[in-house]
N, C-alpha and C. Protein backbone atom coordinates (compact mmCIF):
# COMPACT_ATOMS: atom_id res chain seq x y z
N MET A 1 21.67 -76.16 -52.49
CA MET A 1 22.81 -76.29 -51.07
C MET A 1 23.34 -75.35 -50.62
N GLN A 2 23.72 -74.15 -51.43
CA GLN A 2 24.27 -72.86 -50.51
C GLN A 2 23.10 -72.25 -49.71
N GLN A 3 21.87 -72.18 -50.32
CA GLN A 3 20.75 -71.66 -49.74
C GLN A 3 20.47 -72.48 -48.19
N LEU A 4 20.63 -73.82 -48.17
CA LEU A 4 20.33 -74.62 -47.35
C LEU A 4 21.28 -74.20 -46.21
N PHE A 5 22.74 -74.24 -46.47
CA PHE A 5 23.60 -73.91 -45.71
C PHE A 5 23.34 -72.31 -45.01
N LEU A 6 23.02 -71.34 -45.47
CA LEU A 6 23.00 -70.01 -45.03
C LEU A 6 21.90 -70.26 -44.37
N GLY A 7 20.73 -70.73 -44.51
CA GLY A 7 19.45 -70.96 -43.90
C GLY A 7 19.93 -71.76 -42.21
N LEU A 8 20.59 -72.75 -42.34
CA LEU A 8 21.10 -73.31 -41.16
C LEU A 8 22.02 -72.56 -40.31
N VAL A 9 22.73 -71.48 -41.00
CA VAL A 9 24.02 -70.72 -40.54
C VAL A 9 22.74 -69.44 -39.55
N LEU A 10 21.92 -69.13 -40.36
CA LEU A 10 21.16 -67.73 -39.79
C LEU A 10 20.06 -68.52 -38.51
N GLY A 11 19.75 -69.71 -38.71
CA GLY A 11 19.04 -70.44 -37.57
C GLY A 11 19.84 -70.68 -36.32
N LEU A 12 21.09 -71.01 -36.61
CA LEU A 12 21.93 -71.21 -35.32
C LEU A 12 22.38 -69.90 -34.80
N ALA A 13 22.26 -68.86 -35.45
CA ALA A 13 22.59 -67.48 -34.71
C ALA A 13 21.41 -67.04 -34.23
N VAL A 14 20.31 -67.33 -34.49
CA VAL A 14 19.09 -66.74 -33.92
C VAL A 14 18.87 -67.49 -32.73
N ALA A 15 19.14 -68.81 -32.69
CA ALA A 15 18.80 -69.71 -31.46
C ALA A 15 19.69 -69.36 -30.40
N SER A 16 21.13 -69.30 -30.99
CA SER A 16 22.09 -68.91 -29.99
C SER A 16 21.77 -67.67 -29.18
N GLY A 17 21.20 -66.72 -29.93
CA GLY A 17 20.97 -65.40 -29.39
C GLY A 17 19.82 -65.46 -28.34
N ALA A 18 18.98 -66.10 -28.75
CA ALA A 18 17.65 -66.49 -27.72
C ALA A 18 18.24 -67.07 -26.53
N ALA A 19 19.04 -68.21 -26.91
CA ALA A 19 19.37 -69.04 -25.60
C ALA A 19 20.51 -68.22 -24.49
N ALA A 20 20.99 -67.35 -25.25
CA ALA A 20 21.90 -66.42 -24.19
C ALA A 20 21.07 -65.29 -23.36
N GLU A 21 19.98 -65.36 -23.71
CA GLU A 21 19.16 -64.41 -22.80
C GLU A 21 18.20 -65.40 -21.95
N ASP A 22 18.66 -64.93 -20.41
CA ASP A 22 18.26 -65.71 -19.44
C ASP A 22 16.94 -65.04 -18.94
N LEU A 23 16.23 -66.25 -18.62
CA LEU A 23 14.62 -65.71 -18.08
C LEU A 23 14.51 -64.90 -16.73
N ARG A 24 15.69 -64.99 -16.10
CA ARG A 24 15.99 -64.34 -14.70
C ARG A 24 16.59 -62.82 -15.11
N ASP A 25 17.04 -62.60 -16.15
CA ASP A 25 17.74 -61.14 -16.17
C ASP A 25 16.71 -60.48 -15.83
N VAL A 26 17.03 -59.13 -15.28
CA VAL A 26 15.84 -58.33 -15.05
C VAL A 26 16.56 -57.07 -14.85
N ASN A 27 15.89 -55.93 -15.57
CA ASN A 27 16.02 -54.48 -15.23
C ASN A 27 15.50 -53.63 -13.91
N VAL A 28 16.54 -53.44 -13.55
CA VAL A 28 16.24 -52.89 -11.86
C VAL A 28 16.16 -51.15 -12.08
N VAL A 29 15.05 -50.40 -11.98
CA VAL A 29 14.90 -49.10 -12.00
C VAL A 29 14.96 -48.46 -10.44
N ASN A 30 15.62 -47.43 -10.37
CA ASN A 30 15.62 -46.63 -9.03
C ASN A 30 14.64 -45.62 -8.97
N GLY A 31 13.60 -45.97 -8.65
CA GLY A 31 12.67 -44.66 -8.42
C GLY A 31 12.45 -44.14 -6.88
N THR A 32 13.58 -44.23 -6.13
CA THR A 32 13.17 -44.07 -4.64
C THR A 32 13.40 -42.74 -4.31
N GLY A 33 14.11 -42.10 -5.19
CA GLY A 33 14.61 -40.86 -4.69
C GLY A 33 15.63 -40.47 -3.96
N TYR A 34 16.61 -41.84 -4.03
CA TYR A 34 18.01 -41.91 -3.14
C TYR A 34 18.76 -42.60 -4.00
N GLY A 35 19.92 -42.51 -3.91
CA GLY A 35 21.02 -43.31 -4.11
C GLY A 35 21.12 -44.61 -3.62
N ILE A 36 21.50 -45.63 -4.50
CA ILE A 36 21.68 -46.94 -3.89
C ILE A 36 22.90 -47.38 -4.16
N LYS A 37 23.64 -47.76 -2.99
CA LYS A 37 25.35 -48.28 -3.08
C LYS A 37 25.35 -49.79 -3.59
N PHE A 38 24.60 -50.69 -3.07
CA PHE A 38 24.63 -52.04 -3.21
C PHE A 38 23.15 -52.72 -3.70
N LEU A 39 23.53 -53.67 -4.66
CA LEU A 39 22.09 -54.45 -5.00
C LEU A 39 22.71 -56.11 -5.23
N GLY A 40 21.89 -56.65 -4.41
CA GLY A 40 22.50 -58.09 -4.76
C GLY A 40 21.39 -59.05 -4.59
N PHE A 41 21.52 -60.22 -5.47
CA PHE A 41 20.56 -61.47 -5.27
C PHE A 41 21.06 -62.61 -5.12
N ASN A 42 20.32 -63.15 -4.29
CA ASN A 42 20.94 -64.52 -3.62
C ASN A 42 19.67 -65.56 -3.45
N ASN A 43 19.98 -66.70 -3.82
CA ASN A 43 18.98 -67.74 -3.50
C ASN A 43 18.70 -67.78 -2.31
N PRO A 44 17.35 -68.13 -2.16
CA PRO A 44 16.53 -68.50 -0.63
C PRO A 44 17.61 -69.27 0.19
N GLY A 45 17.67 -68.94 1.34
CA GLY A 45 18.62 -69.68 2.26
C GLY A 45 20.16 -69.15 2.30
N ASP A 46 20.70 -68.43 1.21
CA ASP A 46 21.68 -67.87 1.41
C ASP A 46 21.99 -66.55 1.92
N ASP A 47 22.74 -66.44 2.90
CA ASP A 47 22.68 -65.01 3.67
C ASP A 47 24.32 -64.38 3.12
N ASP A 48 24.85 -64.65 2.43
CA ASP A 48 26.31 -64.18 1.80
C ASP A 48 25.80 -63.24 0.81
N TRP A 49 25.96 -61.76 1.16
CA TRP A 49 25.54 -60.80 0.34
C TRP A 49 26.91 -59.93 -0.07
N SER A 50 27.74 -60.86 -0.91
CA SER A 50 29.20 -60.32 -1.20
C SER A 50 29.39 -59.96 -2.39
N ASP A 51 28.09 -60.19 -3.36
CA ASP A 51 28.30 -59.73 -4.65
C ASP A 51 27.40 -58.72 -5.07
N ASN A 52 27.97 -57.46 -5.27
CA ASN A 52 27.29 -56.15 -5.97
C ASN A 52 27.13 -56.23 -7.26
N GLU A 53 25.62 -56.17 -7.57
CA GLU A 53 25.68 -55.91 -8.85
C GLU A 53 25.71 -54.62 -9.60
N LEU A 54 26.03 -53.70 -8.64
CA LEU A 54 26.55 -52.11 -8.96
C LEU A 54 27.96 -51.97 -9.53
N GLY A 55 28.42 -51.57 -10.21
CA GLY A 55 29.61 -50.92 -10.22
C GLY A 55 29.95 -49.58 -9.46
N ASP A 56 28.65 -48.73 -9.43
CA ASP A 56 28.89 -47.57 -8.81
C ASP A 56 27.46 -47.03 -8.27
N VAL A 57 27.52 -46.24 -7.68
CA VAL A 57 25.96 -45.68 -6.97
C VAL A 57 25.00 -45.72 -8.03
N LEU A 58 23.96 -46.31 -7.97
CA LEU A 58 22.51 -46.21 -8.77
C LEU A 58 21.82 -44.95 -8.45
N ALA A 59 21.91 -43.84 -9.22
CA ALA A 59 21.45 -42.95 -8.77
C ALA A 59 20.00 -42.88 -8.93
N ASN A 60 19.03 -42.26 -8.38
CA ASN A 60 17.44 -42.11 -8.64
C ASN A 60 17.08 -41.73 -10.22
N GLY A 61 16.35 -42.47 -10.67
CA GLY A 61 15.71 -42.72 -12.24
C GLY A 61 17.08 -43.46 -12.80
N ALA A 62 18.06 -43.63 -12.34
CA ALA A 62 18.78 -44.69 -13.20
C ALA A 62 18.52 -46.13 -13.15
N SER A 63 18.84 -46.78 -13.94
CA SER A 63 18.78 -48.29 -13.98
C SER A 63 19.80 -49.27 -14.07
N VAL A 64 19.75 -50.51 -13.74
CA VAL A 64 20.76 -51.23 -14.33
C VAL A 64 20.27 -52.74 -14.58
N LEU A 65 20.91 -53.52 -15.86
CA LEU A 65 20.36 -54.94 -15.97
C LEU A 65 21.32 -55.53 -15.23
N VAL A 66 20.58 -56.51 -14.76
CA VAL A 66 21.31 -57.81 -14.13
C VAL A 66 21.35 -59.02 -14.63
N LYS A 67 22.02 -59.41 -15.18
CA LYS A 67 22.19 -60.66 -16.03
C LYS A 67 22.77 -61.92 -15.19
N PHE A 68 22.11 -62.93 -15.20
CA PHE A 68 22.33 -64.23 -14.56
C PHE A 68 23.02 -65.19 -15.51
N ASN A 69 23.81 -66.10 -14.83
CA ASN A 69 24.66 -67.17 -15.60
C ASN A 69 23.89 -68.59 -15.37
N THR A 70 24.47 -69.23 -16.41
CA THR A 70 23.71 -70.68 -16.17
C THR A 70 24.09 -71.53 -14.94
N ALA A 71 25.29 -70.97 -14.37
CA ALA A 71 25.49 -71.66 -12.99
C ALA A 71 24.61 -71.26 -12.06
N ASP A 72 23.79 -70.36 -12.21
CA ASP A 72 22.93 -69.80 -10.93
C ASP A 72 21.58 -70.79 -11.44
N GLU A 73 20.82 -71.23 -10.26
CA GLU A 73 19.65 -72.22 -10.62
C GLU A 73 18.46 -71.50 -9.92
N GLY A 74 17.56 -71.91 -10.49
CA GLY A 74 16.13 -71.37 -9.82
C GLY A 74 15.58 -70.25 -10.28
N CYS A 75 14.05 -69.88 -10.24
CA CYS A 75 13.42 -68.83 -10.34
C CYS A 75 13.16 -67.87 -9.38
N VAL A 76 13.30 -68.39 -8.06
CA VAL A 76 12.96 -67.49 -6.96
C VAL A 76 14.55 -67.20 -6.36
N TRP A 77 14.23 -65.96 -5.94
CA TRP A 77 15.44 -65.50 -5.71
C TRP A 77 15.22 -64.21 -4.31
N ASN A 78 16.16 -63.94 -3.45
CA ASN A 78 16.00 -62.66 -2.77
C ASN A 78 16.88 -61.67 -3.35
N PHE A 79 16.27 -60.29 -2.89
CA PHE A 79 17.41 -59.25 -3.48
C PHE A 79 17.15 -58.28 -2.18
N LYS A 80 18.45 -57.79 -2.13
CA LYS A 80 18.58 -56.70 -1.07
C LYS A 80 19.40 -55.50 -1.91
N ILE A 81 18.92 -54.05 -1.37
CA ILE A 81 19.91 -52.99 -1.49
C ILE A 81 20.06 -52.34 -0.22
N GLU A 82 21.18 -51.30 -0.50
CA GLU A 82 21.70 -50.79 0.63
C GLU A 82 21.85 -49.33 0.03
N TRP A 83 21.48 -48.48 1.11
CA TRP A 83 21.50 -46.83 0.61
C TRP A 83 22.77 -46.29 0.55
N ALA A 84 23.00 -45.18 -0.53
CA ALA A 84 24.33 -44.65 -0.52
C ALA A 84 24.66 -43.75 0.64
N ASP A 85 23.41 -43.31 1.23
CA ASP A 85 23.54 -42.36 2.43
C ASP A 85 23.86 -43.11 3.88
N PRO A 86 24.53 -43.10 4.24
CA PRO A 86 25.36 -43.89 5.47
C PRO A 86 24.04 -43.27 6.57
N GLY A 87 23.79 -44.49 7.59
CA GLY A 87 22.93 -44.66 8.59
C GLY A 87 21.59 -44.98 8.27
N TYR A 88 21.25 -45.18 7.25
CA TYR A 88 19.77 -46.12 7.06
C TYR A 88 20.02 -47.37 6.59
N PRO A 89 19.10 -48.19 7.15
CA PRO A 89 19.14 -49.78 7.16
C PRO A 89 18.70 -50.41 5.56
N GLY A 90 19.39 -51.47 5.27
CA GLY A 90 19.27 -51.67 3.97
C GLY A 90 17.65 -52.33 3.74
N VAL A 91 17.33 -52.90 2.67
CA VAL A 91 15.87 -53.14 2.41
C VAL A 91 16.20 -54.85 2.00
N LEU A 92 15.44 -55.79 2.30
CA LEU A 92 15.33 -57.20 1.93
C LEU A 92 14.21 -57.51 1.43
N TRP A 93 14.14 -58.09 0.12
CA TRP A 93 12.87 -58.90 -0.43
C TRP A 93 13.24 -60.29 -0.49
N ARG A 94 12.31 -61.03 -0.05
CA ARG A 94 12.43 -62.66 -0.20
C ARG A 94 11.47 -62.94 -1.37
N ASP A 95 12.03 -64.24 -2.03
CA ASP A 95 11.02 -65.17 -2.62
C ASP A 95 10.54 -64.44 -3.69
N VAL A 96 11.36 -63.47 -4.71
CA VAL A 96 10.81 -63.15 -6.11
C VAL A 96 10.90 -64.05 -6.93
N ASN A 97 9.97 -64.15 -7.69
CA ASN A 97 10.22 -65.23 -8.83
C ASN A 97 10.47 -64.25 -10.12
N LEU A 98 11.82 -64.31 -10.25
CA LEU A 98 12.27 -63.47 -11.50
C LEU A 98 11.93 -63.87 -12.70
N CYS A 99 11.58 -65.30 -13.01
CA CYS A 99 11.20 -65.72 -14.34
C CYS A 99 10.11 -65.13 -14.76
N GLU A 100 9.37 -64.40 -14.03
CA GLU A 100 7.95 -63.73 -14.21
C GLU A 100 8.04 -62.43 -14.63
N ILE A 101 9.17 -61.95 -14.17
CA ILE A 101 9.58 -60.32 -14.29
C ILE A 101 10.57 -60.01 -15.10
N SER A 102 10.40 -59.04 -15.77
CA SER A 102 11.47 -58.43 -16.79
C SER A 102 12.02 -57.14 -16.17
N THR A 103 11.21 -56.35 -15.34
CA THR A 103 11.82 -55.10 -14.66
C THR A 103 11.16 -54.88 -13.27
N LEU A 104 12.14 -54.49 -12.17
CA LEU A 104 11.66 -54.19 -11.11
C LEU A 104 12.26 -52.57 -10.95
N THR A 105 11.05 -52.06 -10.48
CA THR A 105 10.83 -50.55 -10.37
C THR A 105 11.07 -50.19 -8.62
N LEU A 106 12.08 -49.88 -8.04
CA LEU A 106 12.03 -49.60 -6.75
C LEU A 106 11.34 -48.40 -6.28
N ARG A 107 10.65 -48.18 -5.24
CA ARG A 107 10.03 -46.95 -4.68
C ARG A 107 10.41 -46.79 -3.29
N TYR A 108 10.29 -45.52 -2.84
CA TYR A 108 10.46 -45.03 -1.67
C TYR A 108 9.14 -44.21 -1.11
N ASP A 109 8.42 -44.49 -0.05
CA ASP A 109 7.33 -43.59 0.47
C ASP A 109 7.79 -43.03 1.74
N ARG A 110 7.88 -41.80 1.59
CA ARG A 110 8.82 -41.11 2.84
C ARG A 110 7.56 -41.08 3.84
N SER A 111 6.15 -40.90 3.61
CA SER A 111 4.93 -40.90 4.64
C SER A 111 5.00 -42.00 5.48
N THR A 112 5.41 -43.11 4.82
CA THR A 112 5.34 -44.43 5.47
C THR A 112 6.43 -45.09 5.91
N ASP A 113 7.57 -44.48 5.35
CA ASP A 113 8.66 -45.19 5.25
C ASP A 113 9.32 -46.14 5.13
N THR A 114 8.49 -46.76 3.87
CA THR A 114 8.07 -47.94 3.40
C THR A 114 9.27 -48.05 1.74
N THR A 115 9.81 -48.89 1.70
CA THR A 115 10.28 -49.27 0.32
C THR A 115 9.91 -50.42 -0.21
N SER A 116 9.20 -49.94 -1.35
CA SER A 116 8.78 -51.22 -2.37
C SER A 116 8.91 -51.39 -3.56
N TYR A 117 8.94 -52.52 -4.42
CA TYR A 117 9.01 -52.31 -6.00
C TYR A 117 7.54 -53.01 -6.63
N SER A 118 7.82 -52.43 -7.68
CA SER A 118 6.57 -52.98 -8.48
C SER A 118 7.37 -53.80 -9.55
N ALA A 119 6.63 -54.84 -10.09
CA ALA A 119 7.23 -55.61 -10.89
C ALA A 119 6.32 -55.84 -12.53
N ARG A 120 7.00 -55.78 -13.46
CA ARG A 120 6.13 -56.12 -14.67
C ARG A 120 7.19 -56.88 -15.64
């Protein structure tokens, strides 16, 4: 009986840990060569970019884990960055399926003036 109880407790602990990890949680890596002062995620159609996922400037080479909560719905999200250096326009990506991605690596190509991301 004691072994059965211990097995149930361990099973519940494992199940609750797995449930706490959301499929949309994503690690964002800054590989742009520049600091990023704002990182935001919104549902498509929501243009309120007031929630910044960064506590401080995300330096080149640094990363941040963005965790979603159960009140957030859906897999497809828009995300936006703003540069730490003033005078440069922010970048917005639309309709990114976060349920299929665990890491977003941001890149900037100076020769084409293009900011992009790779996902895995």
